[in-house]
PDB file of N, CA and C in Angstrom:
ATOM      1  N   MET A   1       0.895  -0.906  -0.023  1.00  0.00           N
ATOM      2  CA  MET A   1      -0.039   0.159   0.209  1.00  0.00           C
ATOM      3  C   MET A   1       0.858   1.357   0.021  1.00  0.00           C
ATOM      4  N   ASP A   2       0.931   2.114  -1.013  1.00  0.00           N
ATOM      5  CA  ASP A   2       1.210   3.312  -0.825  1.00  0.00           C
ATOM      6  C   ASP A   2       1.042   4.468   0.172  1.00  0.00           C
ATOM      7  N   THR A   3       1.394   4.569   1.230  1.00  0.00           N
ATOM      8  CA  THR A   3       1.489   5.622   1.912  1.00  0.00           C
ATOM      9  C   THR A   3       1.471   6.967   2.011  1.00  0.00           C
ATOM     10  N   SER A   4       2.469   7.352   1.269  1.00  0.00           N
ATOM     11  CA  SER A   4       3.079   8.372   0.710  1.00  0.00           C
ATOM     12  C   SER A   4       2.133   9.616   0.453  1.00  0.00           C
ATOM     13  N   ARG A   5       1.248   9.274  -0.049  1.00  0.00           N
ATOM     14  CA  ARG A   5       0.054   9.971  -0.231  1.00  0.00           C
ATOM     15  C   ARG A   5      -1.283  10.359   0.761  1.00  0.00           C
ATOM     16  N   LEU A   6      -1.114   9.323   1.837  1.00  0.00           N
ATOM     17  CA  LEU A   6      -2.142   9.646   2.808  1.00  0.00           C
ATOM     18  C   LEU A   6      -1.795  10.922   3.466  1.00  0.00           C
ATOM     19  N   GLY A   7      -0.804  11.415   3.454  1.00  0.00           N
ATOM     20  CA  GLY A   7      -0.660  12.560   4.262  1.00  0.00           C
ATOM     21  C   GLY A   7      -1.085  13.850   3.506  1.00  0.00           C
ATOM     22  N   SER A   8      -0.966  13.649   2.077  1.00  0.00           N
ATOM     23  CA  SER A   8      -1.266  15.006   1.097  1.00  0.00           C
ATOM     24  C   SER A   8      -2.603  14.735   0.588  1.00  0.00           C
ATOM     25  N   ARG A   9      -3.731  13.924   1.049  1.00  0.00           N
ATOM     26  CA  ARG A   9      -5.416  14.381   0.477  1.00  0.00           C
ATOM     27  C   ARG A   9      -5.738  15.422   0.971  1.00  0.00           C
ATOM     28  N   SER A  10      -6.356  15.998  -0.076  1.00  0.00           N
ATOM     29  CA  SER A  10      -6.811  17.329  -0.388  1.00  0.00           C
ATOM     30  C   SER A  10      -7.672  17.644   0.621  1.00  0.00           C
ATOM     31  N   VAL A  11      -8.058  19.003   1.185  1.00  0.00           N
ATOM     32  CA  VAL A  11      -9.092  19.091   2.354  1.00  0.00           C
ATOM     33  C   VAL A  11      -9.913  19.612   1.463  1.00  0.00           C
ATOM     34  N   PRO A  12     -11.410  19.170   1.704  1.00  0.00           N
ATOM     35  CA  PRO A  12     -12.588  19.631   1.193  1.00  0.00           C
ATOM     36  C   PRO A  12     -12.517  21.216   1.623  1.00  0.00           C
ATOM     37  N   ALA A  13     -13.132  21.863   0.402  1.00  0.00           N
ATOM     38  CA  ALA A  13     -13.367  23.188   0.479  1.00  0.00           C
ATOM     39  C   ALA A  13     -14.522  23.071   1.422  1.00  0.00           C
ATOM     40  N   SER A  14     -14.191  24.936   2.162  1.00  0.00           N
ATOM     41  CA  SER A  14     -15.072  25.201   3.377  1.00  0.00           C
ATOM     42  C   SER A  14     -16.480  25.084   2.654  1.00  0.00           C
ATOM     43  N   PRO A  15     -17.590  24.519   3.511  1.00  0.00           N
ATOM     44  CA  PRO A  15     -18.927  24.804   2.956  1.00  0.00           C
ATOM     45  C   PRO A  15     -19.234  26.515   2.637  1.00  0.00           C
ATOM     46  N   HIS A  16     -20.352  26.362   2.124  1.00  0.00           N
ATOM     47  CA  HIS A  16     -20.815  27.883   1.827  1.00  0.00           C
ATOM     48  C   HIS A  16     -21.044  28.090   3.075  1.00  0.00           C
ATOM     49  N   PRO A  17     -20.661  29.840   3.250  1.00  0.00           N
ATOM     50  CA  PRO A  17     -21.169  30.204   4.463  1.00  0.00           C
ATOM     51  C   PRO A  17     -22.645  30.237   4.824  1.00  0.00           C
ATOM     52  N   HIS A  18     -23.577  30.215   3.682  1.00  0.00           N
ATOM     53  CA  HIS A  18     -25.236  30.325   4.056  1.00  0.00           C
ATOM     54  C   HIS A  18     -25.487  28.776   3.742  1.00  0.00           C
ATOM     55  N   GLU A  19     -24.960  27.771   3.964  1.00  0.00           N
ATOM     56  CA  GLU A  19     -25.142  26.439   3.345  1.00  0.00           C
ATOM     57  C   GLU A  19     -26.579  25.781   3.710  1.00  0.00           C
ATOM     58  N   ASP A  20     -27.058  26.622   4.803  1.00  0.00           N
ATOM     59  CA  ASP A  20     -28.585  25.807   6.054  1.00  0.00           C
ATOM     60  C   ASP A  20     -29.577  26.774   4.979  1.00  0.00           C
ATOM     61  N   LEU A  21     -29.184  28.070   4.757  1.00  0.00           N
ATOM     62  CA  LEU A  21     -30.139  28.861   3.417  1.00  0.00           C
ATOM     63  C   LEU A  21     -30.480  27.941   2.282  1.00  0.00           C
ATOM     64  N   LEU A  22     -29.269  27.938   1.665  1.00  0.00           N
ATOM     65  CA  LEU A  22     -29.359  26.873   0.340  1.00  0.00           C
ATOM     66  C   LEU A  22     -30.031  25.637   0.603  1.00  0.00           C
ATOM     67  N   ALA A  23     -29.781  24.989   1.715  1.00  0.00           N
ATOM     68  CA  ALA A  23     -30.548  23.685   1.585  1.00  0.00           C
ATOM     69  C   ALA A  23     -32.147  23.905   2.122  1.00  0.00           C
ATOM     70  N   HIS A  24     -32.249  25.281   2.658  1.00  0.00           N
ATOM     71  CA  HIS A  24     -33.490  25.334   3.227  1.00  0.00           C
ATOM     72  C   HIS A  24     -34.526  25.866   1.843  1.00  0.00           C
ATOM     73  N   LEU A  25     -33.817  26.804   0.803  1.00  0.00           N
ATOM     74  CA  LEU A  25     -34.394  27.123  -0.206  1.00  0.00           C
ATOM     75  C   LEU A  25     -34.415  25.980  -1.512  1.00  0.00           C
ATOM     76  N   ALA A  26     -33.527  25.349  -1.387  1.00  0.00           N
ATOM     77  CA  ALA A  26     -33.738  24.067  -2.386  1.00  0.00           C
ATOM     78  C   ALA A  26     -34.476  22.785  -1.520  1.00  0.00           C
ATOM     79  N   ARG A  27     -34.821  22.779  -0.198  1.00  0.00           N
ATOM     80  CA  ARG A  27     -36.203  22.106   0.018  1.00  0.00           C
ATOM     81  C   ARG A  27     -37.406  22.543  -0.375  1.00  0.00           C
ATOM     82  N   THR A  28     -37.526  24.082  -0.312  1.00  0.00           N
ATOM     83  CA  THR A  28     -38.579  24.744  -0.115  1.00  0.00           C
ATOM     84  C   THR A  28     -39.263  25.470  -1.804  1.00  0.00           C
ATOM     85  N   THR A  29     -38.727  25.248  -2.161  1.00  0.00           N
ATOM     86  CA  THR A  29     -39.076  25.823  -3.626  1.00  0.00           C
ATOM     87  C   THR A  29     -38.233  24.998  -4.938  1.00  0.00           C
ATOM     88  N   ALA A  30     -38.600  25.317  -5.856  1.00  0.00           N
ATOM     89  CA  ALA A  30     -38.367  24.566  -7.113  1.00  0.00           C
ATOM     90  C   ALA A  30     -36.600  24.964  -7.582  1.00  0.00           C
ATOM     91  N   LEU A  31     -35.796  25.534  -6.552  1.00  0.00           N
ATOM     92  CA  LEU A  31     -34.547  25.806  -6.901  1.00  0.00           C
ATOM     93  C   LEU A  31     -33.206  24.665  -6.889  1.00  0.00           C
ATOM     94  N   ASP A  32     -32.499  24.567  -7.330  1.00  0.00           N
ATOM     95  CA  ASP A  32     -31.511  23.506  -6.921  1.00  0.00           C
ATOM     96  C   ASP A  32     -30.732  24.230  -6.441  1.00  0.00           C
ATOM     97  N   GLN A  33     -29.407  23.547  -5.766  1.00  0.00           N
ATOM     98  CA  GLN A  33     -28.292  24.084  -5.012  1.00  0.00           C
ATOM     99  C   GLN A  33     -27.859  25.625  -5.685  1.00  0.00           C
ATOM    100  N   GLY A  34     -27.250  25.231  -6.635  1.00  0.00           N
ATOM    101  CA  GLY A  34     -26.676  26.221  -7.704  1.00  0.00           C
ATOM    102  C   GLY A  34     -27.628  27.600  -7.701  1.00  0.00           C
ATOM    103  N   GLN A  35     -28.864  27.206  -8.323  1.00  0.00           N
ATOM    104  CA  GLN A  35     -29.766  28.306  -8.610  1.00  0.00           C
ATOM    105  C   GLN A  35     -29.970  29.107  -7.514  1.00  0.00           C
ATOM    106  N   ALA A  36     -29.974  28.391  -5.962  1.00  0.00           N
ATOM    107  CA  ALA A  36     -29.935  28.945  -4.258  1.00  0.00           C
ATOM    108  C   ALA A  36     -28.945  29.977  -4.545  1.00  0.00           C
ATOM    109  N   ALA A  37     -27.903  29.552  -4.785  1.00  0.00           N
ATOM    110  CA  ALA A  37     -26.908  29.819  -4.244  1.00  0.00           C
ATOM    111  C   ALA A  37     -26.474  31.137  -4.694  1.00  0.00           C
ATOM    112  N   ARG A  38     -26.672  31.527  -6.239  1.00  0.00           N
ATOM    113  CA  ARG A  38     -27.105  32.815  -7.136  1.00  0.00           C
ATOM    114  C   ARG A  38     -28.085  33.522  -6.865  1.00  0.00           C
ATOM    115  N   VAL A  39     -29.355  32.929  -6.394  1.00  0.00           N
ATOM    116  CA  VAL A  39     -30.278  34.421  -5.648  1.00  0.00           C
ATOM    117  C   VAL A  39     -29.615  34.369  -4.483  1.00  0.00           C
ATOM    118  N   VAL A  40     -28.833  33.832  -3.516  1.00  0.00           N
ATOM    119  CA  VAL A  40     -28.568  34.113  -2.177  1.00  0.00           C
ATOM    120  C   VAL A  40     -27.299  35.209  -2.663  1.00  0.00           C
ATOM    121  N   ALA A  41     -26.089  34.887  -3.203  1.00  0.00           N
ATOM    122  CA  ALA A  41     -25.555  35.679  -3.294  1.00  0.00           C
ATOM    123  C   ALA A  41     -26.017  37.297  -4.533  1.00  0.00           C
ATOM    124  N   GLU A  42     -26.707  37.202  -5.183  1.00  0.00           N
ATOM    125  CA  GLU A  42     -27.754  38.496  -5.313  1.00  0.00           C
ATOM    126  C   GLU A  42     -28.253  39.094  -4.665  1.00  0.00           C
ATOM    127  N   VAL A  43     -28.692  38.611  -3.596  1.00  0.00           N
ATOM    128  CA  VAL A  43     -29.327  39.566  -2.759  1.00  0.00           C
ATOM    129  C   VAL A  43     -28.353  39.697  -1.289  1.00  0.00           C
ATOM    130  N   LEU A  44     -27.827  39.000  -0.963  1.00  0.00           N
ATOM    131  CA  LEU A  44     -26.881  39.731  -0.505  1.00  0.00           C
ATOM    132  C   LEU A  44     -25.630  40.782  -1.133  1.00  0.00           C
ATOM    133  N   ALA A  45     -25.347  40.918  -2.160  1.00  0.00           N
ATOM    134  CA  ALA A  45     -25.084  41.876  -3.450  1.00  0.00           C
ATOM    135  C   ALA A  45     -25.679  43.136  -2.915  1.00  0.00           C
ATOM    136  N   TYR A  46     -27.008  42.802  -3.061  1.00  0.00           N
ATOM    137  CA  TYR A  46     -27.948  44.010  -3.070  1.00  0.00           C
ATOM    138  C   TYR A  46     -27.974  44.711  -1.446  1.00  0.00           C
ATOM    139  N   PHE A  47     -27.675  43.928  -0.522  1.00  0.00           N
ATOM    140  CA  PHE A  47     -28.013  44.419   1.057  1.00  0.00           C
ATOM    141  C   PHE A  47     -26.326  45.004   1.029  1.00  0.00           C
ATOM    142  N   ALA A  48     -25.401  44.779   0.438  1.00  0.00           N
ATOM    143  CA  ALA A  48     -23.999  44.926   0.911  1.00  0.00           C
ATOM    144  C   ALA A  48     -23.514  46.352   0.152  1.00  0.00           C
ATOM    145  N   GLU A  49     -24.510  46.933  -0.462  1.00  0.00           N
ATOM    146  CA  GLU A  49     -24.471  48.503  -1.341  1.00  0.00           C
ATOM    147  C   GLU A  49     -24.461  49.404   0.283  1.00  0.00           C
ATOM    148  N   THR A  50     -23.645  50.284   0.062  1.00  0.00           N
ATOM    149  CA  THR A  50     -23.310  51.347   1.167  1.00  0.00           C
ATOM    150  C   THR A  50     -24.698  52.069   1.062  1.00  0.00           C
ATOM    151  N   THR A  51     -24.963  52.843   1.786  1.00  0.00           N
ATOM    152  CA  THR A  51     -25.903  54.133   2.033  1.00  0.00           C
ATOM    153  C   THR A  51     -25.719  54.602   0.520  1.00  0.00           C
ATOM    154  N   GLU A  52     -24.716  55.313   0.799  1.00  0.00           N
ATOM    155  CA  GLU A  52     -24.669  56.310  -0.621  1.00  0.00           C
ATOM    156  C   GLU A  52     -24.763  55.717  -2.042  1.00  0.00           C
ATOM    157  N   GLU A  53     -23.598  54.529  -1.870  1.00  0.00           N
ATOM    158  CA  GLU A  53     -24.332  53.401  -3.422  1.00  0.00           C
ATOM    159  C   GLU A  53     -25.833  53.218  -3.704  1.00  0.00           C
ATOM    160  N   TYR A  54     -26.451  53.004  -2.314  1.00  0.00           N
ATOM    161  CA  TYR A  54     -28.065  52.808  -2.671  1.00  0.00           C
ATOM    162  C   TYR A  54     -28.823  53.874  -3.463  1.00  0.00           C
ATOM    163  N   VAL A  55     -28.180  54.908  -2.590  1.00  0.00           N
ATOM    164  CA  VAL A  55     -29.227  56.530  -2.474  1.00  0.00           C
ATOM    165  C   VAL A  55     -28.765  57.023  -4.333  1.00  0.00           C
ATOM    166  N   ARG A  56     -27.378  56.811  -4.988  1.00  0.00           N
ATOM    167  CA  ARG A  56     -26.944  56.927  -6.112  1.00  0.00           C
ATOM    168  C   ARG A  56     -27.671  56.339  -7.027  1.00  0.00           C
ATOM    169  N   ARG A  57     -27.461  55.204  -6.705  1.00  0.00           N
ATOM    170  CA  ARG A  57     -27.997  54.192  -7.843  1.00  0.00           C
ATOM    171  C   ARG A  57     -29.521  54.371  -7.943  1.00  0.00           C
ATOM    172  N   ARG A  58     -30.274  54.354  -7.277  1.00  0.00           N
ATOM    173  CA  ARG A  58     -31.947  54.334  -7.157  1.00  0.00           C
ATOM    174  C   ARG A  58     -32.227  55.591  -7.499  1.00  0.00           C
ATOM    175  N   HIS A  59     -31.631  56.767  -6.901  1.00  0.00           N
ATOM    176  CA  HIS A  59     -31.799  58.435  -7.846  1.00  0.00           C
ATOM    177  C   HIS A  59     -31.827  58.193  -9.443  1.00  0.00           C
ATOM    178  N   GLY A  60     -31.045  57.491  -9.654  1.00  0.00           N
ATOM    179  CA  GLY A  60     -30.537  56.887 -11.364  1.00  0.00           C
ATOM    180  C   GLY A  60     -31.908  56.515 -11.683  1.00  0.00           C
ATOM    181  N   GLU A  61     -32.279  55.286 -11.201  1.00  0.00           N
ATOM    182  CA  GLU A  61     -33.708  54.971 -11.744  1.00  0.00           C
ATOM    183  C   GLU A  61     -35.001  55.506 -11.196  1.00  0.00           C
ATOM    184  N   LEU A  62     -34.929  56.314 -10.361  1.00  0.00           N
ATOM    185  CA  LEU A  62     -36.057  56.884 -10.512  1.00  0.00           C
ATOM    186  C   LEU A  62     -36.228  58.114 -11.326  1.00  0.00           C
ATOM    187  N   GLN A  63     -35.227  58.843 -11.563  1.00  0.00           N
ATOM    188  CA  GLN A  63     -34.701  59.532 -12.767  1.00  0.00           C
ATOM    189  C   GLN A  63     -34.979  59.679 -13.475  1.00  0.00           C
ATOM    190  N   ALA A  64     -34.429  57.863 -14.421  1.00  0.00           N
ATOM    191  CA  ALA A  64     -34.987  57.691 -15.710  1.00  0.00           C
ATOM    192  C   ALA A  64     -36.455  57.592 -15.702  1.00  0.00           C
ATOM    193  N   ARG A  65     -37.017  56.862 -14.343  1.00  0.00           N
ATOM    194  CA  ARG A  65     -38.923  57.004 -14.910  1.00  0.00           C
ATOM    195  C   ARG A  65     -39.475  58.537 -14.950  1.00  0.00           C
ATOM    196  N   GLY A  66     -38.579  59.363 -14.740  1.00  0.00           N
ATOM    197  CA  GLY A  66     -39.195  60.408 -14.387  1.00  0.00           C
ATOM    198  C   GLY A  66     -39.570  61.415 -13.582  1.00  0.00           C
ATOM    199  N   LEU A  67     -39.460  60.456 -12.678  1.00  0.00           N
ATOM    200  CA  LEU A  67     -39.577  61.497 -11.184  1.00  0.00           C
ATOM    201  C   LEU A  67     -38.790  62.802 -10.979  1.00  0.00           C
ATOM    202  N   THR A  68     -39.500  63.495 -10.323  1.00  0.00           N
ATOM    203  CA  THR A  68     -38.488  64.738  -9.952  1.00  0.00           C
ATOM    204  C   THR A  68     -38.122  64.386  -8.672  1.00  0.00           C
ATOM    205  N   ASN A  69     -36.669  65.299  -8.317  1.00  0.00           N
ATOM    206  CA  ASN A  69     -35.909  65.109  -7.224  1.00  0.00           C
ATOM    207  C   ASN A  69     -36.922  65.512  -6.130  1.00  0.00           C
ATOM    208  N   ASP A  70     -37.792  66.325  -5.931  1.00  0.00           N
ATOM    209  CA  ASP A  70     -38.749  65.803  -4.651  1.00  0.00           C
ATOM    210  C   ASP A  70     -39.359  65.343  -4.561  1.00  0.00           C
ATOM    211  N   ARG A  71     -39.951  64.021  -5.674  1.00  0.00           N
ATOM    212  CA  ARG A  71     -40.688  62.922  -4.956  1.00  0.00           C
ATOM    213  C   ARG A  71     -39.588  61.935  -4.770  1.00  0.00           C
ATOM    214  N   ILE A  72     -38.388  61.903  -5.469  1.00  0.00           N
ATOM    215  CA  ILE A  72     -37.269  61.110  -5.617  1.00  0.00           C
ATOM    216  C   ILE A  72     -37.013  60.697  -4.000  1.00  0.00           C
ATOM    217  N   PHE A  73     -36.365  62.062  -3.221  1.00  0.00           N
ATOM    218  CA  PHE A  73     -36.074  62.106  -2.191  1.00  0.00           C
ATOM    219  C   PHE A  73     -36.913  61.718  -1.140  1.00  0.00           C
ATOM    220  N   ALA A  74     -38.510  61.831  -1.513  1.00  0.00           N
ATOM    221  CA  ALA A  74     -39.212  61.791  -0.448  1.00  0.00           C
ATOM    222  C   ALA A  74     -39.332  60.068  -0.450  1.00  0.00           C
ATOM    223  N   ARG A  75     -39.513  59.777  -1.651  1.00  0.00           N
ATOM    224  CA  ARG A  75     -39.182  58.261  -1.590  1.00  0.00           C
ATOM    225  C   ARG A  75     -38.245  57.694  -0.948  1.00  0.00           C
ATOM    226  N   LEU A  76     -36.978  58.072  -1.738  1.00  0.00           N
ATOM    227  CA  LEU A  76     -35.624  57.457  -0.682  1.00  0.00           C
ATOM    228  C   LEU A  76     -35.744  57.628   0.422  1.00  0.00           C
ATOM    229  N   GLY A  77     -36.149  58.387   0.807  1.00  0.00           N
ATOM    230  CA  GLY A  77     -36.406  58.301   2.735  1.00  0.00           C
ATOM    231  C   GLY A  77     -36.897  57.264   3.419  1.00  0.00           C
ATOM    232  N   GLY A  78     -37.993  56.957   2.695  1.00  0.00           N
ATOM    233  CA  GLY A  78     -38.975  55.633   2.796  1.00  0.00           C
ATOM    234  C   GLY A  78     -38.175  54.362   2.358  1.00  0.00           C
ATOM    235  N   GLU A  79     -37.669  54.615   1.645  1.00  0.00           N
ATOM    236  CA  GLU A  79     -36.769  53.167   1.352  1.00  0.00           C
ATOM    237  C   GLU A  79     -35.987  53.276   2.379  1.00  0.00           C
ATOM    238  N   LEU A  80     -34.972  54.099   2.708  1.00  0.00           N
ATOM    239  CA  LEU A  80     -33.709  54.141   3.591  1.00  0.00           C
ATOM    240  C   LEU A  80     -34.334  53.668   4.766  1.00  0.00           C
ATOM    241  N   ALA A  81     -35.403  53.885   5.267  1.00  0.00           N
ATOM    242  CA  ALA A  81     -36.122  53.212   6.551  1.00  0.00           C
ATOM    243  C   ALA A  81     -36.365  52.193   6.658  1.00  0.00           C
ATOM    244  N   ALA A  82     -36.643  51.383   5.443  1.00  0.00           N
ATOM    245  CA  ALA A  82     -37.238  50.091   5.275  1.00  0.00           C
ATOM    246  C   ALA A  82     -36.166  49.629   5.040  1.00  0.00           C
ATOM    247  N   ARG A  83     -34.298  49.271   4.992  1.00  0.00           N
ATOM    248  CA  ARG A  83     -33.869  48.704   4.274  1.00  0.00           C
ATOM    249  C   ARG A  83     -33.024  47.948   5.583  1.00  0.00           C
ATOM    250  N   ARG A  84     -32.789  46.946   5.791  1.00  0.00           N
ATOM    251  CA  ARG A  84     -32.297  45.905   6.620  1.00  0.00           C
ATOM    252  C   ARG A  84     -30.611  46.372   6.411  1.00  0.00           C
ATOM    253  N   VAL A  85     -29.963  46.412   8.008  1.00  0.00           N
ATOM    254  CA  VAL A  85     -28.591  47.019   7.925  1.00  0.00           C
ATOM    255  C   VAL A  85     -28.177  45.423   8.395  1.00  0.00           C
ATOM    256  N   ALA A  86     -26.526  45.793   8.045  1.00  0.00           N
ATOM    257  CA  ALA A  86     -25.695  44.641   8.404  1.00  0.00           C
ATOM    258  C   ALA A  86     -25.266  44.751   9.845  1.00  0.00           C
ATOM    259  N   ALA A  87     -24.837  43.679  10.592  1.00  0.00           N
ATOM    260  CA  ALA A  87     -24.927  43.506  11.994  1.00  0.00           C
ATOM    261  C   ALA A  87     -23.600  43.547  11.908  1.00  0.00           C
ATOM    262  N   PRO A  88     -23.376  44.421  13.579  1.00  0.00           N
ATOM    263  CA  PRO A  88     -21.858  44.730  13.682  1.00  0.00           C
ATOM    264  C   PRO A  88     -20.670  43.672  13.370  1.00  0.00           C
ATOM    265  N   GLN A  89     -19.411  43.719  13.222  1.00  0.00           N
ATOM    266  CA  GLN A  89     -18.544  42.531  13.498  1.00  0.00           C
ATOM    267  C   GLN A  89     -18.613  42.483  14.724  1.00  0.00           C
ATOM    268  N   LEU A  90     -18.148  41.471  15.257  1.00  0.00           N
ATOM    269  CA  LEU A  90     -18.473  40.796  16.786  1.00  0.00           C
ATOM    270  C   LEU A  90     -17.435  39.888  16.704  1.00  0.00           C
ATOM    271  N   THR A  91     -16.620  39.996  17.987  1.00  0.00           N
ATOM    272  CA  THR A  91     -15.342  39.188  18.345  1.00  0.00           C
ATOM    273  C   THR A  91     -16.071  37.824  18.531  1.00  0.00           C
ATOM    274  N   VAL A  92     -15.233  36.878  18.718  1.00  0.00           N
ATOM    275  CA  VAL A  92     -15.438  35.661  19.243  1.00  0.00           C
ATOM    276  C   VAL A  92     -15.772  35.554  20.925  1.00  0.00           C
ATOM    277  N   ARG A  93     -15.245  36.679  21.648  1.00  0.00           N
ATOM    278  CA  ARG A  93     -15.622  36.479  22.998  1.00  0.00           C
ATOM    279  C   ARG A  93     -17.271  37.245  22.992  1.00  0.00           C
ATOM    280  N   GLN A  94     -17.372  38.020  21.865  1.00  0.00           N
ATOM    281  CA  GLN A  94     -18.918  38.717  22.257  1.00  0.00           C
ATOM    282  C   GLN A  94     -19.744  37.775  21.513  1.00  0.00           C
ATOM    283  N   LEU A  95     -19.301  37.282  20.515  1.00  0.00           N
ATOM    284  CA  LEU A  95     -20.489  35.569  20.296  1.00  0.00           C
ATOM    285  C   LEU A  95     -20.165  34.569  21.314  1.00  0.00           C
ATOM    286  N   ARG A  96     -19.569  34.180  21.928  1.00  0.00           N
ATOM    287  CA  ARG A  96     -19.731  33.381  23.377  1.00  0.00           C
ATOM    288  C   ARG A  96     -20.751  34.082  24.280  1.00  0.00           C
ATOM    289  N   ARG A  97     -20.126  35.472  24.514  1.00  0.00           N
ATOM    290  CA  ARG A  97     -20.898  35.950  25.485  1.00  0.00           C
ATOM    291  C   ARG A  97     -22.508  35.952  24.989  1.00  0.00           C
ATOM    292  N   MET A  98     -22.784  35.809  24.230  1.00  0.00           N
ATOM    293  CA  MET A  98     -24.366  35.899  23.487  1.00  0.00           C
ATOM    294  C   MET A  98     -24.972  34.386  23.821  1.00  0.00           C
ATOM    295  N   VAL A  99     -24.081  33.316  23.509  1.00  0.00           N
ATOM    296  CA  VAL A  99     -24.495  32.041  23.465  1.00  0.00           C
ATOM    297  C   VAL A  99     -24.453  31.566  25.153  1.00  0.00           C
ATOM    298  N   TYR A 100     -23.437  32.148  25.383  1.00  0.00           N
ATOM    299  CA  TYR A 100     -23.427  31.142  27.394  1.00  0.00           C
ATOM    300  C   TYR A 100     -23.521  32.560  28.683  1.00  0.00           C
ATOM    301  N   GLY A 101     -23.738  33.778  27.686  1.00  0.00           N
ATOM    302  CA  GLY A 101     -24.647  34.643  29.014  1.00  0.00           C
ATOM    303  C   GLY A 101     -23.060  35.693  29.782  1.00  0.00           C
TER     304      GLY A 101
END
């Protein structure tokens, strides 16, 4: 038996950071794992926009529809209030305290 290769086995790639969400989507929708991964990536990219990026993008979209700045800025104020915000970056200690108190 050639044991020289035993120590050089490739390590499997780390799982997708949202593996549980992908499995849930594949189970509860008509999406396969690959499609679910693409949808999750699109949603994460959408919510990763900074406020400034979002405002600039939406202003351009609404202006292209013919809305005036008064209407655009009123609408953007409501949209920004409804957007999700990312959780702050937490240390391992902070995470442990959440779990164990």
